Amino acid sequence: MFTIYGHRGLPSKAPENTLASYKQAASVPGLKWIELDVAITKDEQLVMIHDDFLDRTTDMTGEVTQLEYADMESASAGSWFGSEFKAERLPTFDEVIKMANETQMNLNIELKGVTGPNGVALSESMVQLVADKLKKLDKNLKVLISSFNVYLVKLAETYMPSYQRAVIFKAAAFQGDWRTILNFCGSKIVNIEDAQLSQARVKMIKHAGYTLNVWTVNKPSRANQLANWGVDGIFTDRAHEMIHLERP
């Protein structure tokens, strides 16, 4: 099996983590998975954005968890990408569920770490809200919950144990205790950074009995190499150029 995940939708064609990007990904023939990032606002609303701050992907500034949803509701999440995307807003999680049901796309939901002094409470609230809203997702669709934050993955085990969970690792953070971390979270899935990933490391992880996905892979030749090494999936900004590599 080799699965292609549309990383933040299809950000080579539309601004990342917008409904436009997700729908572009859904239009790629054969693509079954979208990866997206969920964060929580100060007043406990779920929005789709990768960064802790609004600055890079909207026309506003500020820290997501320190602002209320009303403060960012009208922010353009697409004008930086192109004028035709000026009307794109930060999607809510409810909008994502609706989109997934309509397009029949499976979801890899990355839980973003919560910044600020109220991190523990907001983290728990975020995971509870995600679990509750996923009850409206078509039961035929698959969900993978992932995070760099071990606490969030552990909370996902508590609040939505029926969904598979992955721990995300940067290359430099993947150390000898990786199995302990995954066991603590009840996870058998590693989502690892592509940088300096060797065939030996791939074999080690796979021989230990874990599923292995790699991010972010944007060259078809590298994707093909990883598939031949036995990797289970890749996250890519260019799913439309990679989908031919998918193997059932």
Protein backbone atom coordinates (compact mmCIF):
# COMPACT_ATOMS: atom_id res chain seq x y z
CA MET A 1 0.00 0.00 0.00
CA PHE A 2 1.17 3.52 -0.80
CA THR A 3 -1.18 6.40 0.04
CA ILE A 4 -1.04 9.99 -1.20
CA TYR A 5 -2.20 12.66 1.27
CA GLY A 6 -3.06 16.14 -0.03
CA HIS A 7 -0.97 18.26 2.36
CA ARG A 8 -3.15 21.20 3.53
CA GLY A 9 -5.31 20.42 0.51
CA LEU A 10 -3.66 21.22 -2.82
CA PRO A 11 -1.55 24.28 -1.91
CA SER A 12 0.24 24.34 -5.26
CA LYS A 13 -3.12 25.32 -6.81
CA ALA A 14 -4.92 27.24 -4.03
CA PRO A 15 -4.01 28.84 -0.68
CA GLU A 16 -3.24 26.22 1.96
CA ASN A 17 -5.85 25.21 4.52
CA THR A 18 -8.73 26.91 2.74
CA LEU A 19 -11.91 25.36 1.43
CA ALA A 20 -10.63 26.20 -2.07
CA SER A 21 -7.49 24.15 -1.42
CA TYR A 22 -9.42 21.22 0.04
CA LYS A 23 -11.86 21.21 -2.88
CA GLN A 24 -8.99 21.37 -5.38
CA ALA A 25 -7.55 18.28 -3.70
CA ALA A 26 -10.92 16.56 -3.80
CA SER A 27 -11.05 17.17 -7.56
CA VAL A 28 -7.86 15.15 -8.18
CA PRO A 29 -8.99 11.79 -9.62
CA GLY A 30 -8.07 8.95 -7.29
CA LEU A 31 -7.03 11.12 -4.33
CA LYS A 32 -8.76 9.88 -1.19
CA TRP A 33 -7.05 11.78 1.66
CA ILE A 34 -6.66 15.41 2.70
CA GLU A 35 -4.33 16.51 5.51
CA LEU A 36 -5.36 19.65 7.39
CA ASP A 37 -4.48 21.59 10.52
CA VAL A 38 -6.90 22.47 13.31
CA ALA A 39 -6.29 25.16 15.93
CA ILE A 40 -8.44 26.67 18.66
CA THR A 41 -9.21 30.32 19.38
CA LYS A 42 -9.30 32.00 22.78
CA ASP A 43 -13.09 31.57 22.89
CA GLU A 44 -12.85 27.89 21.97
CA GLN A 45 -13.74 27.91 18.28
CA LEU A 46 -11.97 25.56 15.88
CA VAL A 47 -10.29 27.06 12.80
CA MET A 48 -8.08 25.55 10.14
CA ILE A 49 -4.62 27.11 10.10
CA HIS A 50 -1.11 25.72 10.30
CA ASP A 51 0.80 28.45 12.12
CA ASP A 52 0.44 29.74 15.68
CA PHE A 53 0.13 33.23 14.21
CA LEU A 54 -2.18 34.65 11.53
CA ASP A 55 0.60 36.64 9.87
CA ARG A 56 1.86 34.30 7.11
CA THR A 57 -1.42 33.06 5.60
CA THR A 58 -3.92 35.86 6.30
CA ASP A 59 -4.07 39.63 6.00
CA MET A 60 -4.14 39.93 9.79
CA THR A 61 -1.58 39.62 12.56
CA GLY A 62 -1.85 38.02 15.96
CA GLU A 63 -1.66 34.73 17.84
CA VAL A 64 -4.57 32.39 17.14
CA THR A 65 -5.08 31.13 20.69
CA GLN A 66 -4.93 34.67 22.08
CA LEU A 67 -7.67 36.02 19.82
CA GLU A 68 -11.40 35.37 19.69
CA TYR A 69 -12.96 33.94 16.55
CA ALA A 70 -14.81 37.20 15.83
CA ASP A 71 -11.41 38.93 15.62
CA MET A 72 -10.32 36.73 12.67
CA GLU A 73 -13.63 35.73 11.11
CA SER A 74 -13.35 38.29 8.30
CA ALA A 75 -9.62 37.80 7.65
CA SER A 76 -8.69 36.89 4.09
CA ALA A 77 -6.85 33.57 4.05
CA GLY A 78 -6.18 33.71 0.33
CA SER A 79 -5.31 37.22 -0.83
CA TRP A 80 -1.57 36.49 -0.31
CA PHE A 81 -1.86 33.65 -2.85
CA GLY A 82 -3.81 35.49 -5.53
CA SER A 83 -6.51 38.10 -5.90
CA GLU A 84 -9.02 35.47 -7.04
CA PHE A 85 -8.78 33.91 -3.56
CA LYS A 86 -9.32 37.14 -1.62
CA ALA A 87 -12.72 35.95 -0.35
CA GLU A 88 -11.31 32.77 1.21
CA ARG A 89 -11.66 32.72 5.00
CA LEU A 90 -10.18 30.49 7.68
CA PRO A 91 -12.42 27.42 7.47
CA THR A 92 -14.25 26.29 10.56
CA PHE A 93 -14.22 22.63 11.54
CA ASP A 94 -17.96 22.44 10.78
CA GLU A 95 -17.23 23.57 7.23
CA VAL A 96 -14.55 20.89 6.92
CA ILE A 97 -16.98 18.17 8.01
CA LYS A 98 -19.52 19.42 5.45
CA MET A 99 -16.84 19.47 2.72
CA ALA A 100 -15.63 15.97 3.58
CA ASN A 101 -19.15 14.56 3.54
CA GLU A 102 -19.87 16.19 0.18
CA THR A 103 -16.60 15.15 -1.47
CA GLN A 104 -16.15 11.81 0.38
CA MET A 105 -12.58 12.65 1.34
CA ASN A 106 -10.84 10.95 4.24
CA LEU A 107 -9.22 13.30 6.77
CA ASN A 108 -5.83 13.38 8.43
CA ILE A 109 -6.46 15.96 11.15
CA GLU A 110 -3.32 17.49 12.62
CA LEU A 111 -3.92 18.95 16.07
CA LYS A 112 -1.88 22.12 16.47
CA GLY A 113 -0.11 22.82 19.74
CA VAL A 114 -1.77 25.42 21.94
CA THR A 115 0.29 28.46 22.92
CA GLY A 116 -0.26 30.89 25.77
CA PRO A 117 -0.92 30.52 29.50
CA ASN A 118 -4.18 28.57 29.14
CA GLY A 119 -2.63 25.78 27.09
CA VAL A 120 -3.75 22.75 29.09
CA ALA A 121 -7.41 23.73 29.28
CA LEU A 122 -7.57 24.86 25.64
CA SER A 123 -5.82 21.68 24.50
CA GLU A 124 -8.38 19.49 26.20
CA SER A 125 -11.22 21.63 24.87
CA MET A 126 -9.84 21.40 21.34
CA VAL A 127 -9.66 17.62 21.37
CA GLN A 128 -13.11 17.31 22.92
CA LEU A 129 -14.57 19.64 20.27
CA VAL A 130 -12.93 17.71 17.44
CA ALA A 131 -14.26 14.43 18.85
CA ASP A 132 -17.76 15.86 19.17
CA LYS A 133 -17.88 17.40 15.69
CA LEU A 134 -16.53 14.23 14.07
CA LYS A 135 -19.78 12.53 15.09
CA LYS A 136 -21.32 14.35 12.10
CA LEU A 137 -18.80 12.86 9.66
CA ASP A 138 -20.00 10.19 7.25
CA LYS A 139 -19.33 6.86 8.98
CA ASN A 140 -17.81 5.46 5.78
CA LEU A 141 -14.98 8.00 5.87
CA LYS A 142 -11.65 7.35 7.55
CA VAL A 143 -9.93 9.66 10.02
CA LEU A 144 -6.31 9.82 11.18
CA ILE A 145 -5.53 12.10 14.12
CA SER A 146 -1.95 13.36 14.32
CA SER A 147 0.21 15.86 16.17
CA PHE A 148 3.78 16.76 17.07
CA ASN A 149 2.40 17.30 20.57
CA VAL A 150 2.40 14.02 22.49
CA TYR A 151 -0.08 15.38 25.03
CA LEU A 152 -2.60 16.06 22.27
CA VAL A 153 -2.20 12.58 20.78
CA LYS A 154 -2.74 11.11 24.24
CA LEU A 155 -5.88 13.24 24.68
CA ALA A 156 -7.10 11.94 21.33
CA GLU A 157 -6.69 8.40 22.64
CA THR A 158 -8.89 9.36 25.60
CA TYR A 159 -11.63 11.27 23.76
CA MET A 160 -11.78 9.51 20.39
CA PRO A 161 -10.15 6.08 20.82
CA SER A 162 -11.84 4.61 17.74
CA TYR A 163 -9.71 6.75 15.41
CA GLN A 164 -6.13 5.88 14.54
CA ARG A 165 -3.45 8.22 15.83
CA ALA A 166 -0.03 9.20 14.49
CA VAL A 167 2.87 10.98 16.18
CA ILE A 168 4.61 13.50 13.91
CA PHE A 169 8.39 13.74 14.12
CA LYS A 170 10.88 16.20 12.72
CA ALA A 171 13.97 14.34 11.53
CA ALA A 172 16.14 15.65 14.37
CA ALA A 173 13.52 14.75 17.02
CA PHE A 174 13.31 11.09 16.03
CA GLN A 175 15.49 9.55 18.73
CA GLY A 176 15.91 6.16 20.37
CA ASP A 177 12.88 6.64 22.60
CA TRP A 178 10.44 6.86 19.66
CA ARG A 179 8.78 3.53 20.48
CA THR A 180 8.14 4.64 24.08
CA ILE A 181 6.47 7.81 22.81
CA LEU A 182 4.20 5.91 20.41
CA ASN A 183 3.36 3.26 22.98
CA PHE A 184 2.42 5.97 25.48
CA CYS A 185 -0.04 7.38 22.93
CA GLY A 186 -1.40 4.00 21.90
CA SER A 187 -0.18 4.68 18.36
CA LYS A 188 1.35 2.46 15.68
CA ILE A 189 1.81 5.20 13.08
CA VAL A 190 4.88 7.39 12.52
CA ASN A 191 4.59 10.56 10.39
CA ILE A 192 8.21 11.59 9.83
CA GLU A 193 9.97 14.45 8.06
CA ASP A 194 11.53 13.54 4.72
CA ALA A 195 14.80 15.38 5.40
CA GLN A 196 17.71 12.92 5.55
CA LEU A 197 15.37 9.93 5.78
CA SER A 198 17.43 6.87 4.88
CA GLN A 199 16.42 3.45 3.64
CA ALA A 200 17.93 1.97 6.80
CA ARG A 201 15.67 4.08 9.01
CA VAL A 202 12.64 3.17 6.91
CA LYS A 203 13.46 -0.54 7.27
CA MET A 204 14.01 -0.16 11.02
CA ILE A 205 10.62 1.47 11.56
CA LYS A 206 8.79 -0.94 9.27
CA HIS A 207 10.47 -4.04 10.75
CA ALA A 208 9.36 -2.86 14.19
CA GLY A 209 5.77 -3.17 12.96
CA TYR A 210 4.81 0.48 12.50
CA THR A 211 3.03 2.28 9.68
CA LEU A 212 5.26 4.99 8.21
CA ASN A 213 4.17 8.15 6.41
CA VAL A 214 6.60 10.83 5.21
CA TRP A 215 6.22 14.63 4.91
CA THR A 216 6.52 16.76 2.79
CA VAL A 217 7.47 15.09 -0.51
CA ASN A 218 7.10 17.21 -3.66
CA LYS A 219 9.35 15.43 -6.16
CA PRO A 220 7.88 12.39 -7.97
CA SER A 221 11.28 10.69 -8.12
CA ARG A 222 11.67 10.88 -4.32
CA ALA A 223 8.09 9.73 -3.81
CA ASN A 224 8.72 6.73 -6.05
CA GLN A 225 11.93 5.92 -4.16
CA LEU A 226 10.12 6.03 -0.82
CA ALA A 227 7.37 3.79 -2.19
CA ASN A 228 10.00 1.28 -3.30
CA TRP A 229 11.56 1.40 0.16
CA GLY A 230 8.25 0.31 1.68
CA VAL A 231 6.93 3.61 3.05
CA ASP A 232 3.14 3.50 3.52
CA GLY A 233 2.29 7.05 2.43
CA ILE A 234 3.50 10.57 1.70
CA PHE A 235 2.16 14.05 2.33
CA THR A 236 2.59 16.29 -0.69
CA ASP A 237 1.72 19.81 -1.86
CA ARG A 238 1.44 18.40 -5.38
CA ALA A 239 -0.98 15.51 -5.04
CA HIS A 240 -2.08 15.90 -8.67
CA GLU A 241 1.48 15.04 -9.76
CA MET A 242 1.84 12.10 -7.34
CA ILE A 243 -1.47 10.30 -7.49
CA HIS A 244 -0.28 7.88 -10.19
CA LEU A 245 2.10 6.43 -7.58
CA GLU A 246 -0.73 5.41 -5.23
CA ARG A 247 -0.90 1.66 -4.68
CA PRO A 248 -3.94 -0.01 -3.07
